[in-house]
Amino acid sequence: MKQFTLLYGDGCGYCKKAKMLLQRALDTHPEFRSLDIRYVFDQSPEGAALPHSLIPAFFCGGSLFFEGNPDMDIVLSALHCCCGETKSER
């Protein structure tokens, strides 16, 4: 399994939405609870080092998976990617 990283910013409505969707996905899909999920602030040194143009941004195993306004399909696709499954990656 790969690490899932959510890069977020303060005061970002899409970031708040991404966190809510991620929590909902974890609540309804217990198979994802074993993933190593990290939340990284975009203004931290670690966040600044991650290649991205927009927040929120999802990283699967250190590689950018998606950035921008997420929906549940995107969150689930990213989680499947981190589990090593291929589900309509975007």
PDB file of N, CA and C in Angstrom:
ATOM      1  N   MET A   1       0.833  -1.189   0.000  1.00  0.00           N
ATOM      2  CA  MET A   1       0.000   0.000   0.000  1.00  0.00           C
ATOM      3  C   MET A   1       0.873   1.247   0.000  1.00  0.00           C
ATOM      4  N   LYS A   2       0.385   2.250  -0.678  1.00  0.00           N
ATOM      5  CA  LYS A   2       1.091   3.521  -0.751  1.00  0.00           C
ATOM      6  C   LYS A   2       0.495   4.498   0.254  1.00  0.00           C
ATOM      7  N   GLN A   3       1.284   5.483   0.616  1.00  0.00           N
ATOM      8  CA  GLN A   3       0.813   6.518   1.531  1.00  0.00           C
ATOM      9  C   GLN A   3      -0.121   7.485   0.797  1.00  0.00           C
ATOM     10  N   PHE A   4      -1.199   7.883   1.461  1.00  0.00           N
ATOM     11  CA  PHE A   4      -2.126   8.880   0.929  1.00  0.00           C
ATOM     12  C   PHE A   4      -1.850  10.191   1.660  1.00  0.00           C
ATOM     13  N   THR A   5      -1.607  11.263   0.906  1.00  0.00           N
ATOM     14  CA  THR A   5      -1.356  12.570   1.499  1.00  0.00           C
ATOM     15  C   THR A   5      -2.372  13.562   0.967  1.00  0.00           C
ATOM     16  N   LEU A   6      -2.979  14.295   1.885  1.00  0.00           N
ATOM     17  CA  LEU A   6      -3.889  15.381   1.534  1.00  0.00           C
ATOM     18  C   LEU A   6      -3.192  16.683   1.875  1.00  0.00           C
ATOM     19  N   LEU A   7      -2.875  17.464   0.853  1.00  0.00           N
ATOM     20  CA  LEU A   7      -2.274  18.772   1.030  1.00  0.00           C
ATOM     21  C   LEU A   7      -3.401  19.792   1.113  1.00  0.00           C
ATOM     22  N   TYR A   8      -3.418  20.576   2.174  1.00  0.00           N
ATOM     23  CA  TYR A   8      -4.532  21.497   2.410  1.00  0.00           C
ATOM     24  C   TYR A   8      -4.012  22.866   2.823  1.00  0.00           C
ATOM     25  N   GLY A   9      -4.902  23.850   2.766  1.00  0.00           N
ATOM     26  CA  GLY A   9      -4.580  25.195   3.209  1.00  0.00           C
ATOM     27  C   GLY A   9      -5.614  25.681   4.205  1.00  0.00           C
ATOM     28  N   ASP A  10      -5.239  26.661   4.990  1.00  0.00           N
ATOM     29  CA  ASP A  10      -6.168  27.263   5.948  1.00  0.00           C
ATOM     30  C   ASP A  10      -7.175  28.142   5.216  1.00  0.00           C
ATOM     31  N   GLY A  11      -8.401  28.116   5.657  1.00  0.00           N
ATOM     32  CA  GLY A  11      -9.432  28.978   5.091  1.00  0.00           C
ATOM     33  C   GLY A  11      -9.852  28.602   3.690  1.00  0.00           C
ATOM     34  N   CYS A  12      -9.511  27.426   3.241  1.00  0.00           N
ATOM     35  CA  CYS A  12      -9.842  26.959   1.890  1.00  0.00           C
ATOM     36  C   CYS A  12     -11.101  26.105   1.955  1.00  0.00           C
ATOM     37  N   GLY A  13     -12.158  26.550   1.304  1.00  0.00           N
ATOM     38  CA  GLY A  13     -13.413  25.807   1.301  1.00  0.00           C
ATOM     39  C   GLY A  13     -13.293  24.444   0.636  1.00  0.00           C
ATOM     40  N   TYR A  14     -12.529  24.362  -0.457  1.00  0.00           N
ATOM     41  CA  TYR A  14     -12.345  23.076  -1.131  1.00  0.00           C
ATOM     42  C   TYR A  14     -11.537  22.114  -0.271  1.00  0.00           C
ATOM     43  N   CYS A  15     -10.607  22.658   0.526  1.00  0.00           N
ATOM     44  CA  CYS A  15      -9.829  21.813   1.430  1.00  0.00           C
ATOM     45  C   CYS A  15     -10.720  21.243   2.533  1.00  0.00           C
ATOM     46  N   LYS A  16     -11.595  22.069   3.052  1.00  0.00           N
ATOM     47  CA  LYS A  16     -12.554  21.609   4.056  1.00  0.00           C
ATOM     48  C   LYS A  16     -13.436  20.513   3.468  1.00  0.00           C
ATOM     49  N   LYS A  17     -13.883  20.728   2.225  1.00  0.00           N
ATOM     50  CA  LYS A  17     -14.692  19.718   1.526  1.00  0.00           C
ATOM     51  C   LYS A  17     -13.894  18.427   1.342  1.00  0.00           C
ATOM     52  N   ALA A  18     -12.616  18.536   0.963  1.00  0.00           N
ATOM     53  CA  ALA A  18     -11.777  17.353   0.750  1.00  0.00           C
ATOM     54  C   ALA A  18     -11.631  16.549   2.038  1.00  0.00           C
ATOM     55  N   LYS A  19     -11.413  17.237   3.153  1.00  0.00           N
ATOM     56  CA  LYS A  19     -11.298  16.545   4.437  1.00  0.00           C
ATOM     57  C   LYS A  19     -12.603  15.842   4.803  1.00  0.00           C
ATOM     58  N   MET A  20     -13.728  16.503   4.559  1.00  0.00           N
ATOM     59  CA  MET A  20     -15.030  15.914   4.860  1.00  0.00           C
ATOM     60  C   MET A  20     -15.282  14.686   3.981  1.00  0.00           C
ATOM     61  N   LEU A  21     -14.978  14.794   2.691  1.00  0.00           N
ATOM     62  CA  LEU A  21     -15.175  13.655   1.786  1.00  0.00           C
ATOM     63  C   LEU A  21     -14.264  12.495   2.164  1.00  0.00           C
ATOM     64  N   LEU A  22     -13.021  12.794   2.524  1.00  0.00           N
ATOM     65  CA  LEU A  22     -12.095  11.744   2.929  1.00  0.00           C
ATOM     66  C   LEU A  22     -12.602  11.042   4.183  1.00  0.00           C
ATOM     67  N   GLN A  23     -13.067  11.796   5.155  1.00  0.00           N
ATOM     68  CA  GLN A  23     -13.589  11.181   6.381  1.00  0.00           C
ATOM     69  C   GLN A  23     -14.818  10.329   6.081  1.00  0.00           C
ATOM     70  N   ARG A  24     -15.691  10.823   5.219  1.00  0.00           N
ATOM     71  CA  ARG A  24     -16.885  10.057   4.844  1.00  0.00           C
ATOM     72  C   ARG A  24     -16.485   8.760   4.137  1.00  0.00           C
ATOM     73  N   ALA A  25     -15.489   8.830   3.263  1.00  0.00           N
ATOM     74  CA  ALA A  25     -15.017   7.623   2.567  1.00  0.00           C
ATOM     75  C   ALA A  25     -14.456   6.613   3.558  1.00  0.00           C
ATOM     76  N   LEU A  26     -13.694   7.079   4.533  1.00  0.00           N
ATOM     77  CA  LEU A  26     -13.130   6.178   5.537  1.00  0.00           C
ATOM     78  C   LEU A  26     -14.217   5.579   6.423  1.00  0.00           C
ATOM     79  N   ASP A  27     -15.261   6.355   6.708  1.00  0.00           N
ATOM     80  CA  ASP A  27     -16.358   5.861   7.542  1.00  0.00           C
ATOM     81  C   ASP A  27     -17.183   4.796   6.820  1.00  0.00           C
ATOM     82  N   THR A  28     -17.322   4.931   5.514  1.00  0.00           N
ATOM     83  CA  THR A  28     -18.188   4.015   4.766  1.00  0.00           C
ATOM     84  C   THR A  28     -17.437   2.882   4.070  1.00  0.00           C
ATOM     85  N   HIS A  29     -16.113   2.977   4.017  1.00  0.00           N
ATOM     86  CA  HIS A  29     -15.296   1.943   3.369  1.00  0.00           C
ATOM     87  C   HIS A  29     -14.177   1.530   4.329  1.00  0.00           C
ATOM     88  N   PRO A  30     -14.452   0.613   5.237  1.00  0.00           N
ATOM     89  CA  PRO A  30     -13.463   0.240   6.253  1.00  0.00           C
ATOM     90  C   PRO A  30     -12.159  -0.308   5.670  1.00  0.00           C
ATOM     91  N   GLU A  31     -12.174  -0.788   4.434  1.00  0.00           N
ATOM     92  CA  GLU A  31     -10.951  -1.331   3.837  1.00  0.00           C
ATOM     93  C   GLU A  31      -9.864  -0.268   3.664  1.00  0.00           C
ATOM     94  N   PHE A  32     -10.231   1.005   3.685  1.00  0.00           N
ATOM     95  CA  PHE A  32      -9.256   2.075   3.532  1.00  0.00           C
ATOM     96  C   PHE A  32      -8.652   2.536   4.863  1.00  0.00           C
ATOM     97  N   ARG A  33      -9.187   2.073   5.967  1.00  0.00           N
ATOM     98  CA  ARG A  33      -8.718   2.543   7.275  1.00  0.00           C
ATOM     99  C   ARG A  33      -7.292   2.115   7.598  1.00  0.00           C
ATOM    100  N   SER A  34      -6.800   1.098   6.913  1.00  0.00           N
ATOM    101  CA  SER A  34      -5.435   0.634   7.173  1.00  0.00           C
ATOM    102  C   SER A  34      -4.391   1.452   6.404  1.00  0.00           C
ATOM    103  N   LEU A  35      -4.826   2.351   5.538  1.00  0.00           N
ATOM    104  CA  LEU A  35      -3.893   3.191   4.790  1.00  0.00           C
ATOM    105  C   LEU A  35      -3.179   4.186   5.709  1.00  0.00           C
ATOM    106  N   ASP A  36      -1.975   4.523   5.338  1.00  0.00           N
ATOM    107  CA  ASP A  36      -1.216   5.573   6.024  1.00  0.00           C
ATOM    108  C   ASP A  36      -1.676   6.899   5.416  1.00  0.00           C
ATOM    109  N   ILE A  37      -2.537   7.622   6.127  1.00  0.00           N
ATOM    110  CA  ILE A  37      -3.112   8.874   5.623  1.00  0.00           C
ATOM    111  C   ILE A  37      -2.485  10.039   6.381  1.00  0.00           C
ATOM    112  N   ARG A  38      -1.976  10.989   5.616  1.00  0.00           N
ATOM    113  CA  ARG A  38      -1.315  12.151   6.202  1.00  0.00           C
ATOM    114  C   ARG A  38      -1.985  13.426   5.696  1.00  0.00           C
ATOM    115  N   TYR A  39      -2.094  14.381   6.595  1.00  0.00           N
ATOM    116  CA  TYR A  39      -2.597  15.714   6.265  1.00  0.00           C
ATOM    117  C   TYR A  39      -1.409  16.663   6.369  1.00  0.00           C
ATOM    118  N   VAL A  40      -1.116  17.372   5.288  1.00  0.00           N
ATOM    119  CA  VAL A  40       0.050  18.248   5.255  1.00  0.00           C
ATOM    120  C   VAL A  40      -0.411  19.662   4.899  1.00  0.00           C
ATOM    121  N   PHE A  41      -0.036  20.622   5.729  1.00  0.00           N
ATOM    122  CA  PHE A  41      -0.366  22.027   5.510  1.00  0.00           C
ATOM    123  C   PHE A  41       0.495  22.553   4.362  1.00  0.00           C
ATOM    124  N   ASP A  42      -0.130  23.237   3.410  1.00  0.00           N
ATOM    125  CA  ASP A  42       0.597  23.663   2.209  1.00  0.00           C
ATOM    126  C   ASP A  42       1.702  24.683   2.491  1.00  0.00           C
ATOM    127  N   GLN A  43       1.605  25.421   3.583  1.00  0.00           N
ATOM    128  CA  GLN A  43       2.620  26.419   3.904  1.00  0.00           C
ATOM    129  C   GLN A  43       3.763  25.875   4.764  1.00  0.00           C
ATOM    130  N   SER A  44       3.689  24.604   5.132  1.00  0.00           N
ATOM    131  CA  SER A  44       4.775  23.989   5.894  1.00  0.00           C
ATOM    132  C   SER A  44       5.930  23.675   4.938  1.00  0.00           C
ATOM    133  N   PRO A  45       7.134  23.466   5.460  1.00  0.00           N
ATOM    134  CA  PRO A  45       8.257  23.101   4.581  1.00  0.00           C
ATOM    135  C   PRO A  45       7.959  21.826   3.780  1.00  0.00           C
ATOM    136  N   GLU A  46       7.327  20.864   4.432  1.00  0.00           N
ATOM    137  CA  GLU A  46       6.984  19.619   3.738  1.00  0.00           C
ATOM    138  C   GLU A  46       5.955  19.879   2.633  1.00  0.00           C
ATOM    139  N   GLY A  47       4.954  20.703   2.931  1.00  0.00           N
ATOM    140  CA  GLY A  47       3.935  21.016   1.938  1.00  0.00           C
ATOM    141  C   GLY A  47       4.487  21.802   0.769  1.00  0.00           C
ATOM    142  N   ALA A  48       5.366  22.746   1.048  1.00  0.00           N
ATOM    143  CA  ALA A  48       5.969  23.557  -0.011  1.00  0.00           C
ATOM    144  C   ALA A  48       6.825  22.704  -0.947  1.00  0.00           C
ATOM    145  N   ALA A  49       7.349  21.592  -0.444  1.00  0.00           N
ATOM    146  CA  ALA A  49       8.197  20.721  -1.259  1.00  0.00           C
ATOM    147  C   ALA A  49       7.394  19.807  -2.178  1.00  0.00           C
ATOM    148  N   LEU A  50       6.103  19.662  -1.920  1.00  0.00           N
ATOM    149  CA  LEU A  50       5.274  18.798  -2.773  1.00  0.00           C
ATOM    150  C   LEU A  50       4.873  19.560  -4.036  1.00  0.00           C
ATOM    151  N   PRO A  51       5.058  18.960  -5.212  1.00  0.00           N
ATOM    152  CA  PRO A  51       4.737  19.651  -6.463  1.00  0.00           C
ATOM    153  C   PRO A  51       3.227  19.767  -6.659  1.00  0.00           C
ATOM    154  N   HIS A  52       2.739  21.004  -6.666  1.00  0.00           N
ATOM    155  CA  HIS A  52       1.308  21.229  -6.841  1.00  0.00           C
ATOM    156  C   HIS A  52       1.075  22.653  -7.336  1.00  0.00           C
ATOM    157  N   SER A  53      -0.074  22.855  -7.959  1.00  0.00           N
ATOM    158  CA  SER A  53      -0.480  24.195  -8.394  1.00  0.00           C
ATOM    159  C   SER A  53      -1.689  24.678  -7.618  1.00  0.00           C
ATOM    160  N   LEU A  54      -2.532  23.735  -7.192  1.00  0.00           N
ATOM    161  CA  LEU A  54      -3.773  24.059  -6.494  1.00  0.00           C
ATOM    162  C   LEU A  54      -3.873  23.269  -5.206  1.00  0.00           C
ATOM    163  N   ILE A  55      -4.713  23.761  -4.301  1.00  0.00           N
ATOM    164  CA  ILE A  55      -5.079  22.991  -3.115  1.00  0.00           C
ATOM    165  C   ILE A  55      -6.593  22.866  -3.105  1.00  0.00           C
ATOM    166  N   PRO A  56      -7.095  21.802  -2.549  1.00  0.00           N
ATOM    167  CA  PRO A  56      -6.385  20.657  -2.006  1.00  0.00           C
ATOM    168  C   PRO A  56      -5.713  19.849  -3.114  1.00  0.00           C
ATOM    169  N   ALA A  57      -4.747  19.064  -2.709  1.00  0.00           N
ATOM    170  CA  ALA A  57      -4.062  18.165  -3.629  1.00  0.00           C
ATOM    171  C   ALA A  57      -3.937  16.805  -2.950  1.00  0.00           C
ATOM    172  N   PHE A  58      -4.188  15.766  -3.728  1.00  0.00           N
ATOM    173  CA  PHE A  58      -4.073  14.395  -3.234  1.00  0.00           C
ATOM    174  C   PHE A  58      -2.820  13.774  -3.840  1.00  0.00           C
ATOM    175  N   PHE A  59      -2.036  13.120  -2.992  1.00  0.00           N
ATOM    176  CA  PHE A  59      -0.841  12.426  -3.438  1.00  0.00           C
ATOM    177  C   PHE A  59      -0.967  10.955  -3.070  1.00  0.00           C
ATOM    178  N   CYS A  60      -0.603  10.107  -3.993  1.00  0.00           N
ATOM    179  CA  CYS A  60      -0.619   8.661  -3.784  1.00  0.00           C
ATOM    180  C   CYS A  60       0.816   8.171  -3.903  1.00  0.00           C
ATOM    181  N   GLY A  61       1.376   7.740  -2.794  1.00  0.00           N
ATOM    182  CA  GLY A  61       2.759   7.277  -2.806  1.00  0.00           C
ATOM    183  C   GLY A  61       3.740   8.359  -3.202  1.00  0.00           C
ATOM    184  N   GLY A  62       3.445   9.605  -2.882  1.00  0.00           N
ATOM    185  CA  GLY A  62       4.325  10.718  -3.197  1.00  0.00           C
ATOM    186  C   GLY A  62       4.105  11.344  -4.555  1.00  0.00           C
ATOM    187  N   SER A  63       3.271  10.736  -5.387  1.00  0.00           N
ATOM    188  CA  SER A  63       2.984  11.273  -6.721  1.00  0.00           C
ATOM    189  C   SER A  63       1.651  11.997  -6.710  1.00  0.00           C
ATOM    190  N   LEU A  64       1.602  13.141  -7.378  1.00  0.00           N
ATOM    191  CA  LEU A  64       0.367  13.908  -7.456  1.00  0.00           C
ATOM    192  C   LEU A  64      -0.710  13.098  -8.166  1.00  0.00           C
ATOM    193  N   PHE A  65      -1.862  12.959  -7.525  1.00  0.00           N
ATOM    194  CA  PHE A  65      -2.989  12.226  -8.105  1.00  0.00           C
ATOM    195  C   PHE A  65      -4.049  13.190  -8.617  1.00  0.00           C
ATOM    196  N   PHE A  66      -4.361  14.241  -7.828  1.00  0.00           N
ATOM    197  CA  PHE A  66      -5.419  15.183  -8.184  1.00  0.00           C
ATOM    198  C   PHE A  66      -5.219  16.470  -7.395  1.00  0.00           C
ATOM    199  N   GLU A  67      -5.624  17.574  -8.006  1.00  0.00           N
ATOM    200  CA  GLU A  67      -5.644  18.840  -7.284  1.00  0.00           C
ATOM    201  C   GLU A  67      -6.847  19.654  -7.752  1.00  0.00           C
ATOM    202  N   GLY A  68      -7.412  20.420  -6.826  1.00  0.00           N
ATOM    203  CA  GLY A  68      -8.572  21.241  -7.157  1.00  0.00           C
ATOM    204  C   GLY A  68      -9.796  20.830  -6.364  1.00  0.00           C
ATOM    205  N   ASN A  69     -10.966  21.094  -6.935  1.00  0.00           N
ATOM    206  CA  ASN A  69     -12.248  20.840  -6.277  1.00  0.00           C
ATOM    207  C   ASN A  69     -12.614  19.360  -6.391  1.00  0.00           C
ATOM    208  N   PRO A  70     -12.511  18.594  -5.311  1.00  0.00           N
ATOM    209  CA  PRO A  70     -12.748  17.150  -5.399  1.00  0.00           C
ATOM    210  C   PRO A  70     -14.220  16.786  -5.276  1.00  0.00           C
ATOM    211  N   ASP A  71     -14.520  15.569  -5.703  1.00  0.00           N
ATOM    212  CA  ASP A  71     -15.816  14.961  -5.417  1.00  0.00           C
ATOM    213  C   ASP A  71     -15.539  13.558  -4.867  1.00  0.00           C
ATOM    214  N   MET A  72     -16.583  12.863  -4.457  1.00  0.00           N
ATOM    215  CA  MET A  72     -16.387  11.560  -3.821  1.00  0.00           C
ATOM    216  C   MET A  72     -15.738  10.558  -4.775  1.00  0.00           C
ATOM    217  N   ASP A  73     -16.053  10.601  -6.058  1.00  0.00           N
ATOM    218  CA  ASP A  73     -15.431   9.679  -7.010  1.00  0.00           C
ATOM    219  C   ASP A  73     -13.916   9.862  -7.050  1.00  0.00           C
ATOM    220  N   ILE A  74     -13.462  11.102  -7.002  1.00  0.00           N
ATOM    221  CA  ILE A  74     -12.031  11.379  -7.018  1.00  0.00           C
ATOM    222  C   ILE A  74     -11.369  10.866  -5.744  1.00  0.00           C
ATOM    223  N   VAL A  75     -11.999  11.118  -4.606  1.00  0.00           N
ATOM    224  CA  VAL A  75     -11.447  10.646  -3.330  1.00  0.00           C
ATOM    225  C   VAL A  75     -11.336   9.126  -3.334  1.00  0.00           C
ATOM    226  N   LEU A  76     -12.389   8.454  -3.759  1.00  0.00           N
ATOM    227  CA  LEU A  76     -12.363   6.992  -3.787  1.00  0.00           C
ATOM    228  C   LEU A  76     -11.333   6.467  -4.776  1.00  0.00           C
ATOM    229  N   SER A  77     -11.192   7.111  -5.926  1.00  0.00           N
ATOM    230  CA  SER A  77     -10.184   6.700  -6.902  1.00  0.00           C
ATOM    231  C   SER A  77      -8.779   6.836  -6.322  1.00  0.00           C
ATOM    232  N   ALA A  78      -8.530   7.932  -5.612  1.00  0.00           N
ATOM    233  CA  ALA A  78      -7.222   8.135  -4.993  1.00  0.00           C
ATOM    234  C   ALA A  78      -6.949   7.073  -3.930  1.00  0.00           C
ATOM    235  N   LEU A  79      -7.951   6.756  -3.132  1.00  0.00           N
ATOM    236  CA  LEU A  79      -7.781   5.737  -2.098  1.00  0.00           C
ATOM    237  C   LEU A  79      -7.538   4.366  -2.723  1.00  0.00           C
ATOM    238  N   HIS A  80      -8.266   4.035  -3.785  1.00  0.00           N
ATOM    239  CA  HIS A  80      -8.039   2.770  -4.494  1.00  0.00           C
ATOM    240  C   HIS A  80      -6.620   2.726  -5.051  1.00  0.00           C
ATOM    241  N   CYS A  81      -6.152   3.839  -5.593  1.00  0.00           N
ATOM    242  CA  CYS A  81      -4.788   3.917  -6.129  1.00  0.00           C
ATOM    243  C   CYS A  81      -3.773   3.604  -5.035  1.00  0.00           C
ATOM    244  N   CYS A  82      -3.988   4.135  -3.855  1.00  0.00           N
ATOM    245  CA  CYS A  82      -3.068   3.903  -2.746  1.00  0.00           C
ATOM    246  C   CYS A  82      -3.095   2.456  -2.270  1.00  0.00           C
ATOM    247  N   CYS A  83      -4.193   1.784  -2.526  1.00  0.00           N
ATOM    248  CA  CYS A  83      -4.303   0.361  -2.174  1.00  0.00           C
ATOM    249  C   CYS A  83      -3.709  -0.536  -3.262  1.00  0.00           C
ATOM    250  N   GLY A  84      -3.241   0.084  -4.347  1.00  0.00           N
ATOM    251  CA  GLY A  84      -2.662  -0.690  -5.432  1.00  0.00           C
ATOM    252  C   GLY A  84      -3.669  -1.132  -6.462  1.00  0.00           C
ATOM    253  N   GLU A  85      -4.893  -0.641  -6.347  1.00  0.00           N
ATOM    254  CA  GLU A  85      -5.938  -0.984  -7.304  1.00  0.00           C
ATOM    255  C   GLU A  85      -6.003   0.110  -8.365  1.00  0.00           C
ATOM    256  N   THR A  86      -6.384  -0.268  -9.555  1.00  0.00           N
ATOM    257  CA  THR A  86      -6.536   0.745 -10.604  1.00  0.00           C
ATOM    258  C   THR A  86      -8.013   1.003 -10.829  1.00  0.00           C
ATOM    259  N   LYS A  87      -8.449   2.187 -10.462  1.00  0.00           N
ATOM    260  CA  LYS A  87      -9.827   2.620 -10.628  1.00  0.00           C
ATOM    261  C   LYS A  87      -9.800   3.971 -11.321  1.00  0.00           C
ATOM    262  N   SER A  88     -10.242   4.078 -12.504  1.00  0.00           N
ATOM    263  CA  SER A  88     -10.361   5.308 -13.293  1.00  0.00           C
ATOM    264  C   SER A  88      -9.614   6.508 -12.705  1.00  0.00           C
ATOM    265  N   GLU A  89      -8.300   6.409 -12.703  1.00  0.00           N
ATOM    266  CA  GLU A  89      -7.475   7.496 -12.181  1.00  0.00           C
ATOM    267  C   GLU A  89      -7.635   8.733 -13.044  1.00  0.00           C
ATOM    268  N   ARG A  90      -7.546   9.901 -12.394  1.00  0.00           N
ATOM    269  CA  ARG A  90      -7.736  11.171 -13.098  1.00  0.00           C
ATOM    270  C   ARG A  90      -6.447  11.939 -13.121  1.00  0.00           C
TER     271      ARG A  90
END
